[in-house]
């Protein structure tokens, strides 16, 4: 039982570290001058959710299972897009402030 508990703790710590790293990477990529690097991680998670949707088995409730898979699979995509939008909005406001400062001179 001690081995399983330790393995669970290590797995949770590695998962948390991976999640924090992915969020920090998204922030870093979203702050770049070009907008395309910030869209890389949301595109990857979107493609992954589509792959998950392709694995839904056919049956009586296939549509319900497909919609649930797409809805739950795109939660990370929405979170990454929200981070992207927040970073780009901040960059846009800073750019407008710089333009106003240059215009005032």
PDB file of N, CA and C in Angstrom:
ATOM      1  N   UNK A   1       0.815  -1.187   0.000  1.00  0.00           N
ATOM      2  CA  UNK A   1       0.000   0.000   0.000  1.00  0.00           C
ATOM      3  C   UNK A   1       0.868   1.264   0.000  1.00  0.00           C
ATOM      4  N   UNK A   2       2.025   1.226   0.626  1.00  0.00           N
ATOM      5  CA  UNK A   2       2.892   2.390   0.677  1.00  0.00           C
ATOM      6  C   UNK A   2       3.449   2.742  -0.699  1.00  0.00           C
ATOM      7  N   UNK A   3       3.763   1.722  -1.491  1.00  0.00           N
ATOM      8  CA  UNK A   3       4.275   1.964  -2.834  1.00  0.00           C
ATOM      9  C   UNK A   3       3.224   2.650  -3.700  1.00  0.00           C
ATOM     10  N   UNK A   4       1.988   2.197  -3.622  1.00  0.00           N
ATOM     11  CA  UNK A   4       0.906   2.783  -4.418  1.00  0.00           C
ATOM     12  C   UNK A   4       0.640   4.227  -4.006  1.00  0.00           C
ATOM     13  N   UNK A   5       0.713   4.504  -2.720  1.00  0.00           N
ATOM     14  CA  UNK A   5       0.502   5.874  -2.241  1.00  0.00           C
ATOM     15  C   UNK A   5       1.616   6.787  -2.728  1.00  0.00           C
ATOM     16  N   UNK A   6       2.845   6.313  -2.659  1.00  0.00           N
ATOM     17  CA  UNK A   6       3.979   7.102  -3.149  1.00  0.00           C
ATOM     18  C   UNK A   6       3.901   7.337  -4.640  1.00  0.00           C
ATOM     19  N   UNK A   7       3.512   6.303  -5.374  1.00  0.00           N
ATOM     20  CA  UNK A   7       3.380   6.435  -6.819  1.00  0.00           C
ATOM     21  C   UNK A   7       2.286   7.439  -7.174  1.00  0.00           C
ATOM     22  N   UNK A   8       1.196   7.425  -6.438  1.00  0.00           N
ATOM     23  CA  UNK A   8       0.116   8.386  -6.670  1.00  0.00           C
ATOM     24  C   UNK A   8       0.582   9.811  -6.391  1.00  0.00           C
ATOM     25  N   UNK A   9       1.333   9.996  -5.313  1.00  0.00           N
ATOM     26  CA  UNK A   9       1.831  11.323  -4.978  1.00  0.00           C
ATOM     27  C   UNK A   9       2.788  11.842  -6.058  1.00  0.00           C
ATOM     28  N   UNK A  10       3.668  10.988  -6.547  1.00  0.00           N
ATOM     29  CA  UNK A  10       4.601  11.391  -7.595  1.00  0.00           C
ATOM     30  C   UNK A  10       3.848  11.715  -8.876  1.00  0.00           C
ATOM     31  N   UNK A  11       2.851  10.917  -9.207  1.00  0.00           N
ATOM     32  CA  UNK A  11       2.055  11.162 -10.406  1.00  0.00           C
ATOM     33  C   UNK A  11       1.311  12.489 -10.313  1.00  0.00           C
ATOM     34  N   UNK A  12       0.739  12.781  -9.168  1.00  0.00           N
ATOM     35  CA  UNK A  12       0.028  14.056  -8.990  1.00  0.00           C
ATOM     36  C   UNK A  12       0.983  15.236  -9.073  1.00  0.00           C
ATOM     37  N   UNK A  13       2.161  15.116  -8.489  1.00  0.00           N
ATOM     38  CA  UNK A  13       3.146  16.201  -8.551  1.00  0.00           C
ATOM     39  C   UNK A  13       3.627  16.425  -9.980  1.00  0.00           C
ATOM     40  N   UNK A  14       3.881  15.357 -10.709  1.00  0.00           N
ATOM     41  CA  UNK A  14       4.304  15.507 -12.100  1.00  0.00           C
ATOM     42  C   UNK A  14       3.191  16.089 -12.962  1.00  0.00           C
ATOM     43  N   UNK A  15       1.952  15.696 -12.708  1.00  0.00           N
ATOM     44  CA  UNK A  15       0.818  16.250 -13.460  1.00  0.00           C
ATOM     45  C   UNK A  15       0.650  17.735 -13.177  1.00  0.00           C
ATOM     46  N   UNK A  16       0.790  18.126 -11.914  1.00  0.00           N
ATOM     47  CA  UNK A  16       0.685  19.540 -11.549  1.00  0.00           C
ATOM     48  C   UNK A  16       1.826  20.343 -12.177  1.00  0.00           C
ATOM     49  N   UNK A  17       3.039  19.781 -12.178  1.00  0.00           N
ATOM     50  CA  UNK A  17       4.177  20.468 -12.782  1.00  0.00           C
ATOM     51  C   UNK A  17       3.968  20.620 -14.289  1.00  0.00           C
ATOM     52  N   UNK A  18       3.435  19.596 -14.934  1.00  0.00           N
ATOM     53  CA  UNK A  18       3.153  19.665 -16.367  1.00  0.00           C
ATOM     54  C   UNK A  18       2.098  20.725 -16.665  1.00  0.00           C
ATOM     55  N   UNK A  19       1.072  20.799 -15.845  1.00  0.00           N
ATOM     56  CA  UNK A  19       0.000  21.777 -16.038  1.00  0.00           C
ATOM     57  C   UNK A  19       0.521  23.203 -15.871  1.00  0.00           C
ATOM     58  N   UNK A  20       1.292  23.434 -14.823  1.00  0.00           N
ATOM     59  CA  UNK A  20       1.861  24.764 -14.588  1.00  0.00           C
ATOM     60  C   UNK A  20       2.823  25.136 -15.713  1.00  0.00           C
ATOM     61  N   UNK A  21       3.629  24.169 -16.159  1.00  0.00           N
ATOM     62  CA  UNK A  21       4.551  24.420 -17.267  1.00  0.00           C
ATOM     63  C   UNK A  21       3.819  24.765 -18.549  1.00  0.00           C
ATOM     64  N   UNK A  22       2.727  24.082 -18.831  1.00  0.00           N
ATOM     65  CA  UNK A  22       1.950  24.366 -20.042  1.00  0.00           C
ATOM     66  C   UNK A  22       1.330  25.764 -19.982  1.00  0.00           C
ATOM     67  N   UNK A  23       0.853  26.153 -18.812  1.00  0.00           N
ATOM     68  CA  UNK A  23       0.265  27.491 -18.672  1.00  0.00           C
ATOM     69  C   UNK A  23       1.335  28.566 -18.830  1.00  0.00           C
ATOM     70  N   UNK A  24       2.502  28.353 -18.208  1.00  0.00           N
ATOM     71  CA  UNK A  24       3.594  29.325 -18.347  1.00  0.00           C
ATOM     72  C   UNK A  24       4.083  29.402 -19.793  1.00  0.00           C
ATOM     73  N   UNK A  25       4.141  28.265 -20.478  1.00  0.00           N
ATOM     74  CA  UNK A  25       4.525  28.265 -21.891  1.00  0.00           C
ATOM     75  C   UNK A  25       3.499  29.016 -22.733  1.00  0.00           C
ATOM     76  N   UNK A  26       2.223  28.845 -22.432  1.00  0.00           N
ATOM     77  CA  UNK A  26       1.182  29.561 -23.165  1.00  0.00           C
ATOM     78  C   UNK A  26       1.305  31.063 -22.952  1.00  0.00           C
ATOM     79  N   UNK A  27       1.564  31.477 -21.731  1.00  0.00           N
ATOM     80  CA  UNK A  27       1.747  32.906 -21.455  1.00  0.00           C
ATOM     81  C   UNK A  27       2.953  33.442 -22.216  1.00  0.00           C
ATOM     82  N   UNK A  28       4.050  32.691 -22.191  1.00  0.00           N
ATOM     83  CA  UNK A  28       5.263  33.106 -22.898  1.00  0.00           C
ATOM     84  C   UNK A  28       5.002  33.234 -24.397  1.00  0.00           C
ATOM     85  N   UNK A  29       4.344  32.237 -24.986  1.00  0.00           N
ATOM     86  CA  UNK A  29       4.089  32.268 -26.425  1.00  0.00           C
ATOM     87  C   UNK A  29       3.072  33.349 -26.801  1.00  0.00           C
ATOM     88  N   UNK A  30       2.120  33.614 -25.928  1.00  0.00           N
ATOM     89  CA  UNK A  30       1.099  34.628 -26.228  1.00  0.00           C
ATOM     90  C   UNK A  30       1.659  36.039 -26.176  1.00  0.00           C
ATOM     91  N   UNK A  31       2.731  36.238 -25.447  1.00  0.00           N
ATOM     92  CA  UNK A  31       3.324  37.572 -25.337  1.00  0.00           C
ATOM     93  C   UNK A  31       4.279  37.901 -26.472  1.00  0.00           C
ATOM     94  N   UNK A  32       4.518  36.971 -27.372  1.00  0.00           N
ATOM     95  CA  UNK A  32       5.405  37.224 -28.500  1.00  0.00           C
ATOM     96  C   UNK A  32       4.776  38.268 -29.409  1.00  0.00           C
ATOM     97  N   UNK A  33       5.610  38.916 -30.207  1.00  0.00           N
ATOM     98  CA  UNK A  33       5.116  39.948 -31.107  1.00  0.00           C
ATOM     99  C   UNK A  33       4.183  39.353 -32.168  1.00  0.00           C
ATOM    100  N   UNK A  34       4.578  38.208 -32.712  1.00  0.00           N
ATOM    101  CA  UNK A  34       3.721  37.527 -33.679  1.00  0.00           C
ATOM    102  C   UNK A  34       2.600  36.816 -32.929  1.00  0.00           C
ATOM    103  N   UNK A  35       1.423  36.780 -33.525  1.00  0.00           N
ATOM    104  CA  UNK A  35       0.302  36.159 -32.831  1.00  0.00           C
ATOM    105  C   UNK A  35       0.256  34.654 -33.006  1.00  0.00           C
ATOM    106  N   UNK A  36       0.962  34.114 -33.988  1.00  0.00           N
ATOM    107  CA  UNK A  36       0.856  32.691 -34.308  1.00  0.00           C
ATOM    108  C   UNK A  36       1.424  31.750 -33.258  1.00  0.00           C
ATOM    109  N   UNK A  37       2.560  32.039 -32.620  1.00  0.00           N
ATOM    110  CA  UNK A  37       3.054  31.091 -31.612  1.00  0.00           C
ATOM    111  C   UNK A  37       2.077  30.872 -30.459  1.00  0.00           C
ATOM    112  N   UNK A  38       1.324  31.893 -30.094  1.00  0.00           N
ATOM    113  CA  UNK A  38       0.364  31.772 -29.004  1.00  0.00           C
ATOM    114  C   UNK A  38      -0.831  30.893 -29.337  1.00  0.00           C
ATOM    115  N   UNK A  39      -1.033  30.628 -30.607  1.00  0.00           N
ATOM    116  CA  UNK A  39      -2.150  29.777 -31.023  1.00  0.00           C
ATOM    117  C   UNK A  39      -1.747  28.314 -31.198  1.00  0.00           C
ATOM    118  N   UNK A  40      -0.471  28.002 -30.980  1.00  0.00           N
ATOM    119  CA  UNK A  40       0.017  26.636 -31.195  1.00  0.00           C
ATOM    120  C   UNK A  40      -0.580  25.663 -30.183  1.00  0.00           C
ATOM    121  N   UNK A  41      -0.498  25.966 -28.901  1.00  0.00           N
ATOM    122  CA  UNK A  41      -1.016  25.054 -27.882  1.00  0.00           C
ATOM    123  C   UNK A  41      -2.539  24.885 -27.958  1.00  0.00           C
ATOM    124  N   UNK A  42      -3.319  25.957 -28.168  1.00  0.00           N
ATOM    125  CA  UNK A  42      -4.760  25.729 -28.348  1.00  0.00           C
ATOM    126  C   UNK A  42      -5.071  24.861 -29.576  1.00  0.00           C
ATOM    127  N   UNK A  43      -4.287  25.003 -30.641  1.00  0.00           N
ATOM    128  CA  UNK A  43      -4.513  24.168 -31.830  1.00  0.00           C
ATOM    129  C   UNK A  43      -4.211  22.704 -31.521  1.00  0.00           C
ATOM    130  N   UNK A  44      -3.164  22.459 -30.753  1.00  0.00           N
ATOM    131  CA  UNK A  44      -2.815  21.081 -30.398  1.00  0.00           C
ATOM    132  C   UNK A  44      -3.910  20.457 -29.546  1.00  0.00           C
ATOM    133  N   UNK A  45      -4.420  21.203 -28.566  1.00  0.00           N
ATOM    134  CA  UNK A  45      -5.471  20.646 -27.718  1.00  0.00           C
ATOM    135  C   UNK A  45      -6.778  20.457 -28.500  1.00  0.00           C
ATOM    136  N   UNK A  46      -7.046  21.334 -29.463  1.00  0.00           N
ATOM    137  CA  UNK A  46      -8.230  21.160 -30.306  1.00  0.00           C
ATOM    138  C   UNK A  46      -8.109  19.888 -31.150  1.00  0.00           C
ATOM    139  N   UNK A  47      -6.948  19.684 -31.740  1.00  0.00           N
ATOM    140  CA  UNK A  47      -6.740  18.471 -32.530  1.00  0.00           C
ATOM    141  C   UNK A  47      -6.838  17.222 -31.663  1.00  0.00           C
ATOM    142  N   UNK A  48      -6.320  17.295 -30.440  1.00  0.00           N
ATOM    143  CA  UNK A  48      -6.415  16.154 -29.541  1.00  0.00           C
ATOM    144  C   UNK A  48      -7.877  15.850 -29.191  1.00  0.00           C
ATOM    145  N   UNK A  49      -8.674  16.889 -28.979  1.00  0.00           N
ATOM    146  CA  UNK A  49     -10.087  16.648 -28.669  1.00  0.00           C
ATOM    147  C   UNK A  49     -10.813  16.031 -29.865  1.00  0.00           C
ATOM    148  N   UNK A  50     -10.415  16.408 -31.072  1.00  0.00           N
ATOM    149  CA  UNK A  50     -11.015  15.791 -32.259  1.00  0.00           C
ATOM    150  C   UNK A  50     -10.607  14.327 -32.390  1.00  0.00           C
ATOM    151  N   UNK A  51      -9.371  14.011 -32.021  1.00  0.00           N
ATOM    152  CA  UNK A  51      -8.936  12.613 -32.029  1.00  0.00           C
ATOM    153  C   UNK A  51      -9.729  11.822 -30.994  1.00  0.00           C
ATOM    154  N   UNK A  52      -9.950  12.414 -29.821  1.00  0.00           N
ATOM    155  CA  UNK A  52     -10.765  11.743 -28.804  1.00  0.00           C
ATOM    156  C   UNK A  52     -12.182  11.509 -29.311  1.00  0.00           C
ATOM    157  N   UNK A  53     -12.719  12.465 -30.059  1.00  0.00           N
ATOM    158  CA  UNK A  53     -14.081  12.321 -30.582  1.00  0.00           C
ATOM    159  C   UNK A  53     -14.150  11.207 -31.626  1.00  0.00           C
ATOM    160  N   UNK A  54     -13.060  10.984 -32.340  1.00  0.00           N
ATOM    161  CA  UNK A  54     -13.043   9.889 -33.323  1.00  0.00           C
ATOM    162  C   UNK A  54     -13.067   8.527 -32.652  1.00  0.00           C
ATOM    163  N   UNK A  55     -12.731   8.461 -31.380  1.00  0.00           N
ATOM    164  CA  UNK A  55     -12.698   7.192 -30.663  1.00  0.00           C
ATOM    165  C   UNK A  55     -14.022   6.852 -29.986  1.00  0.00           C
ATOM    166  N   UNK A  56     -15.043   7.655 -30.174  1.00  0.00           N
ATOM    167  CA  UNK A  56     -16.346   7.378 -29.573  1.00  0.00           C
ATOM    168  C   UNK A  56     -16.971   6.207 -30.314  1.00  0.00           C
ATOM    169  N   UNK A  57     -17.435   5.257 -29.547  1.00  0.00           N
ATOM    170  CA  UNK A  57     -18.025   4.048 -30.127  1.00  0.00           C
ATOM    171  C   UNK A  57     -19.453   4.334 -30.614  1.00  0.00           C
ATOM    172  N   UNK A  58     -19.828   3.684 -31.688  1.00  0.00           N
ATOM    173  CA  UNK A  58     -21.189   3.816 -32.210  1.00  0.00           C
ATOM    174  C   UNK A  58     -22.137   3.020 -31.316  1.00  0.00           C
ATOM    175  N   UNK A  59     -23.307   3.569 -31.133  1.00  0.00           N
ATOM    176  CA  UNK A  59     -24.298   2.896 -30.307  1.00  0.00           C
ATOM    177  C   UNK A  59     -25.570   3.709 -30.254  1.00  0.00           C
ATOM    178  N   UNK A  60     -26.398   3.383 -29.292  1.00  0.00           N
ATOM    179  CA  UNK A  60     -27.690   4.053 -29.167  1.00  0.00           C
ATOM    180  C   UNK A  60     -27.515   5.525 -28.794  1.00  0.00           C
ATOM    181  N   UNK A  61     -26.600   5.811 -27.904  1.00  0.00           N
ATOM    182  CA  UNK A  61     -26.377   7.190 -27.460  1.00  0.00           C
ATOM    183  C   UNK A  61     -25.066   7.754 -28.009  1.00  0.00           C
ATOM    184  N   UNK A  62     -24.775   7.461 -29.267  1.00  0.00           N
ATOM    185  CA  UNK A  62     -23.506   7.882 -29.856  1.00  0.00           C
ATOM    186  C   UNK A  62     -23.400   9.401 -29.934  1.00  0.00           C
ATOM    187  N   UNK A  63     -24.489  10.066 -30.277  1.00  0.00           N
ATOM    188  CA  UNK A  63     -24.448  11.527 -30.394  1.00  0.00           C
ATOM    189  C   UNK A  63     -24.211  12.186 -29.042  1.00  0.00           C
ATOM    190  N   UNK A  64     -24.851  11.656 -28.017  1.00  0.00           N
ATOM    191  CA  UNK A  64     -24.676  12.203 -26.677  1.00  0.00           C
ATOM    192  C   UNK A  64     -23.228  12.012 -26.213  1.00  0.00           C
ATOM    193  N   UNK A  65     -22.681  10.847 -26.464  1.00  0.00           N
ATOM    194  CA  UNK A  65     -21.295  10.575 -26.088  1.00  0.00           C
ATOM    195  C   UNK A  65     -20.335  11.445 -26.890  1.00  0.00           C
ATOM    196  N   UNK A  66     -20.627  11.653 -28.168  1.00  0.00           N
ATOM    197  CA  UNK A  66     -19.778  12.493 -29.008  1.00  0.00           C
ATOM    198  C   UNK A  66     -19.783  13.937 -28.529  1.00  0.00           C
ATOM    199  N   UNK A  67     -20.961  14.475 -28.244  1.00  0.00           N
ATOM    200  CA  UNK A  67     -21.050  15.856 -27.759  1.00  0.00           C
ATOM    201  C   UNK A  67     -20.377  16.026 -26.406  1.00  0.00           C
ATOM    202  N   UNK A  68     -20.540  15.041 -25.530  1.00  0.00           N
ATOM    203  CA  UNK A  68     -19.888  15.112 -24.222  1.00  0.00           C
ATOM    204  C   UNK A  68     -18.375  15.058 -24.364  1.00  0.00           C
ATOM    205  N   UNK A  69     -17.886  14.226 -25.267  1.00  0.00           N
ATOM    206  CA  UNK A  69     -16.447  14.129 -25.503  1.00  0.00           C
ATOM    207  C   UNK A  69     -15.904  15.440 -26.054  1.00  0.00           C
ATOM    208  N   UNK A  70     -16.614  16.022 -26.999  1.00  0.00           N
ATOM    209  CA  UNK A  70     -16.165  17.302 -27.562  1.00  0.00           C
ATOM    210  C   UNK A  70     -16.220  18.423 -26.528  1.00  0.00           C
ATOM    211  N   UNK A  71     -17.265  18.452 -25.721  1.00  0.00           N
ATOM    212  CA  UNK A  71     -17.397  19.509 -24.717  1.00  0.00           C
ATOM    213  C   UNK A  71     -16.305  19.392 -23.656  1.00  0.00           C
ATOM    214  N   UNK A  72     -16.101  18.214 -23.143  1.00  0.00           N
ATOM    215  CA  UNK A  72     -15.089  18.039 -22.094  1.00  0.00           C
ATOM    216  C   UNK A  72     -13.672  18.096 -22.657  1.00  0.00           C
ATOM    217  N   UNK A  73     -13.491  17.643 -23.880  1.00  0.00           N
ATOM    218  CA  UNK A  73     -12.163  17.656 -24.484  1.00  0.00           C
ATOM    219  C   UNK A  73     -11.680  19.039 -24.857  1.00  0.00           C
ATOM    220  N   UNK A  74     -12.600  19.975 -25.017  1.00  0.00           N
ATOM    221  CA  UNK A  74     -12.213  21.329 -25.408  1.00  0.00           C
ATOM    222  C   UNK A  74     -12.094  22.295 -24.237  1.00  0.00           C
ATOM    223  N   UNK A  75     -12.240  21.823 -23.023  1.00  0.00           N
ATOM    224  CA  UNK A  75     -12.029  22.692 -21.863  1.00  0.00           C
ATOM    225  C   UNK A  75     -10.598  23.240 -21.831  1.00  0.00           C
ATOM    226  N   UNK A  76      -9.570  22.398 -22.039  1.00  0.00           N
ATOM    227  CA  UNK A  76      -8.210  22.963 -22.072  1.00  0.00           C
ATOM    228  C   UNK A  76      -8.019  23.960 -23.217  1.00  0.00           C
ATOM    229  N   UNK A  77      -8.667  23.716 -24.348  1.00  0.00           N
ATOM    230  CA  UNK A  77      -8.567  24.650 -25.469  1.00  0.00           C
ATOM    231  C   UNK A  77      -9.144  26.004 -25.085  1.00  0.00           C
ATOM    232  N   UNK A  78     -10.279  26.010 -24.417  1.00  0.00           N
ATOM    233  CA  UNK A  78     -10.898  27.270 -23.999  1.00  0.00           C
ATOM    234  C   UNK A  78     -10.047  27.997 -22.967  1.00  0.00           C
ATOM    235  N   UNK A  79      -9.449  27.262 -22.044  1.00  0.00           N
ATOM    236  CA  UNK A  79      -8.583  27.885 -21.032  1.00  0.00           C
ATOM    237  C   UNK A  79      -7.365  28.515 -21.708  1.00  0.00           C
ATOM    238  N   UNK A  80      -6.745  27.795 -22.630  1.00  0.00           N
ATOM    239  CA  UNK A  80      -5.576  28.334 -23.326  1.00  0.00           C
ATOM    240  C   UNK A  80      -5.942  29.528 -24.201  1.00  0.00           C
ATOM    241  N   UNK A  81      -7.106  29.497 -24.820  1.00  0.00           N
ATOM    242  CA  UNK A  81      -7.541  30.649 -25.620  1.00  0.00           C
ATOM    243  C   UNK A  81      -7.853  31.862 -24.732  1.00  0.00           C
ATOM    244  N   UNK A  82      -8.359  31.627 -23.528  1.00  0.00           N
ATOM    245  CA  UNK A  82      -8.600  32.736 -22.604  1.00  0.00           C
ATOM    246  C   UNK A  82      -7.277  33.375 -22.180  1.00  0.00           C
ATOM    247  N   UNK A  83      -6.273  32.560 -21.915  1.00  0.00           N
ATOM    248  CA  UNK A  83      -4.945  33.091 -21.583  1.00  0.00           C
ATOM    249  C   UNK A  83      -4.393  33.880 -22.757  1.00  0.00           C
ATOM    250  N   UNK A  84      -4.549  33.337 -23.957  1.00  0.00           N
ATOM    251  CA  UNK A  84      -4.079  34.012 -25.164  1.00  0.00           C
ATOM    252  C   UNK A  84      -4.767  35.367 -25.339  1.00  0.00           C
ATOM    253  N   UNK A  85      -6.077  35.389 -25.169  1.00  0.00           N
ATOM    254  CA  UNK A  85      -6.824  36.635 -25.343  1.00  0.00           C
ATOM    255  C   UNK A  85      -6.421  37.678 -24.299  1.00  0.00           C
ATOM    256  N   UNK A  86      -6.213  37.248 -23.061  1.00  0.00           N
ATOM    257  CA  UNK A  86      -5.814  38.189 -22.011  1.00  0.00           C
ATOM    258  C   UNK A  86      -4.440  38.775 -22.294  1.00  0.00           C
ATOM    259  N   UNK A  87      -3.508  37.952 -22.725  1.00  0.00           N
ATOM    260  CA  UNK A  87      -2.160  38.438 -23.014  1.00  0.00           C
ATOM    261  C   UNK A  87      -2.142  39.353 -24.228  1.00  0.00           C
ATOM    262  N   UNK A  88      -2.906  39.010 -25.246  1.00  0.00           N
ATOM    263  CA  UNK A  88      -2.929  39.847 -26.446  1.00  0.00           C
ATOM    264  C   UNK A  88      -3.633  41.181 -26.171  1.00  0.00           C
ATOM    265  N   UNK A  89      -4.656  41.168 -25.329  1.00  0.00           N
ATOM    266  CA  UNK A  89      -5.339  42.416 -24.980  1.00  0.00           C
ATOM    267  C   UNK A  89      -4.391  43.347 -24.237  1.00  0.00           C
ATOM    268  N   UNK A  90      -3.633  42.800 -23.320  1.00  0.00           N
ATOM    269  CA  UNK A  90      -2.660  43.606 -22.588  1.00  0.00           C
ATOM    270  C   UNK A  90      -1.609  44.170 -23.541  1.00  0.00           C
ATOM    271  N   UNK A  91      -1.180  43.353 -24.494  1.00  0.00           N
ATOM    272  CA  UNK A  91      -0.193  43.812 -25.474  1.00  0.00           C
ATOM    273  C   UNK A  91      -0.792  44.920 -26.347  1.00  0.00           C
ATOM    274  N   UNK A  92      -2.054  44.780 -26.718  1.00  0.00           N
ATOM    275  CA  UNK A  92      -2.708  45.792 -27.549  1.00  0.00           C
ATOM    276  C   UNK A  92      -2.830  47.115 -26.807  1.00  0.00           C
ATOM    277  N   UNK A  93      -3.191  47.057 -25.527  1.00  0.00           N
ATOM    278  CA  UNK A  93      -3.316  48.283 -24.737  1.00  0.00           C
ATOM    279  C   UNK A  93      -1.964  48.967 -24.583  1.00  0.00           C
ATOM    280  N   UNK A  94      -0.910  48.198 -24.355  1.00  0.00           N
ATOM    281  CA  UNK A  94       0.429  48.784 -24.236  1.00  0.00           C
ATOM    282  C   UNK A  94       0.863  49.420 -25.545  1.00  0.00           C
ATOM    283  N   UNK A  95       0.507  48.802 -26.664  1.00  0.00           N
ATOM    284  CA  UNK A  95       0.841  49.350 -27.967  1.00  0.00           C
ATOM    285  C   UNK A  95       0.112  50.673 -28.197  1.00  0.00           C
ATOM    286  N   UNK A  96      -1.163  50.742 -27.810  1.00  0.00           N
ATOM    287  CA  UNK A  96      -1.916  51.985 -27.962  1.00  0.00           C
ATOM    288  C   UNK A  96      -1.356  53.090 -27.064  1.00  0.00           C
ATOM    289  N   UNK A  97      -0.933  52.734 -25.869  1.00  0.00           N
ATOM    290  CA  UNK A  97      -0.338  53.725 -24.965  1.00  0.00           C
ATOM    291  C   UNK A  97       0.970  54.257 -25.545  1.00  0.00           C
ATOM    292  N   UNK A  98       1.770  53.387 -26.154  1.00  0.00           N
ATOM    293  CA  UNK A  98       3.007  53.836 -26.789  1.00  0.00           C
ATOM    294  C   UNK A  98       2.712  54.778 -27.942  1.00  0.00           C
ATOM    295  N   UNK A  99       1.694  54.479 -28.730  1.00  0.00           N
ATOM    296  CA  UNK A  99       1.312  55.355 -29.834  1.00  0.00           C
ATOM    297  C   UNK A  99       0.853  56.715 -29.335  1.00  0.00           C
ATOM    298  N   UNK A 100       0.110  56.722 -28.217  1.00  0.00           N
ATOM    299  CA  UNK A 100      -0.335  57.992 -27.649  1.00  0.00           C
ATOM    300  C   UNK A 100       0.842  58.795 -27.116  1.00  0.00           C
ATOM    301  N   UNK A 101       1.792  58.130 -26.497  1.00  0.00           N
ATOM    302  CA  UNK A 101       2.975  58.826 -26.001  1.00  0.00           C
ATOM    303  C   UNK A 101       3.790  59.435 -27.131  1.00  0.00           C
ATOM    304  N   UNK A 102       3.927  58.695 -28.220  1.00  0.00           N
ATOM    305  CA  UNK A 102       4.661  59.219 -29.374  1.00  0.00           C
ATOM    306  C   UNK A 102       3.919  60.387 -30.000  1.00  0.00           C
ATOM    307  N   UNK A 103       2.597  60.282 -30.051  1.00  0.00           N
ATOM    308  CA  UNK A 103       1.783  61.358 -30.629  1.00  0.00           C
ATOM    309  C   UNK A 103       1.846  62.626 -29.771  1.00  0.00           C
ATOM    310  N   UNK A 104       1.935  62.475 -28.440  1.00  0.00           N
ATOM    311  CA  UNK A 104       2.012  63.630 -27.544  1.00  0.00           C
ATOM    312  C   UNK A 104       3.327  64.383 -27.671  1.00  0.00           C
ATOM    313  N   UNK A 105       4.375  63.677 -28.085  1.00  0.00           N
ATOM    314  CA  UNK A 105       5.650  64.348 -28.249  1.00  0.00           C
ATOM    315  C   UNK A 105       5.595  65.213 -29.463  1.00  0.00           C
TER     316      UNK A 105
END
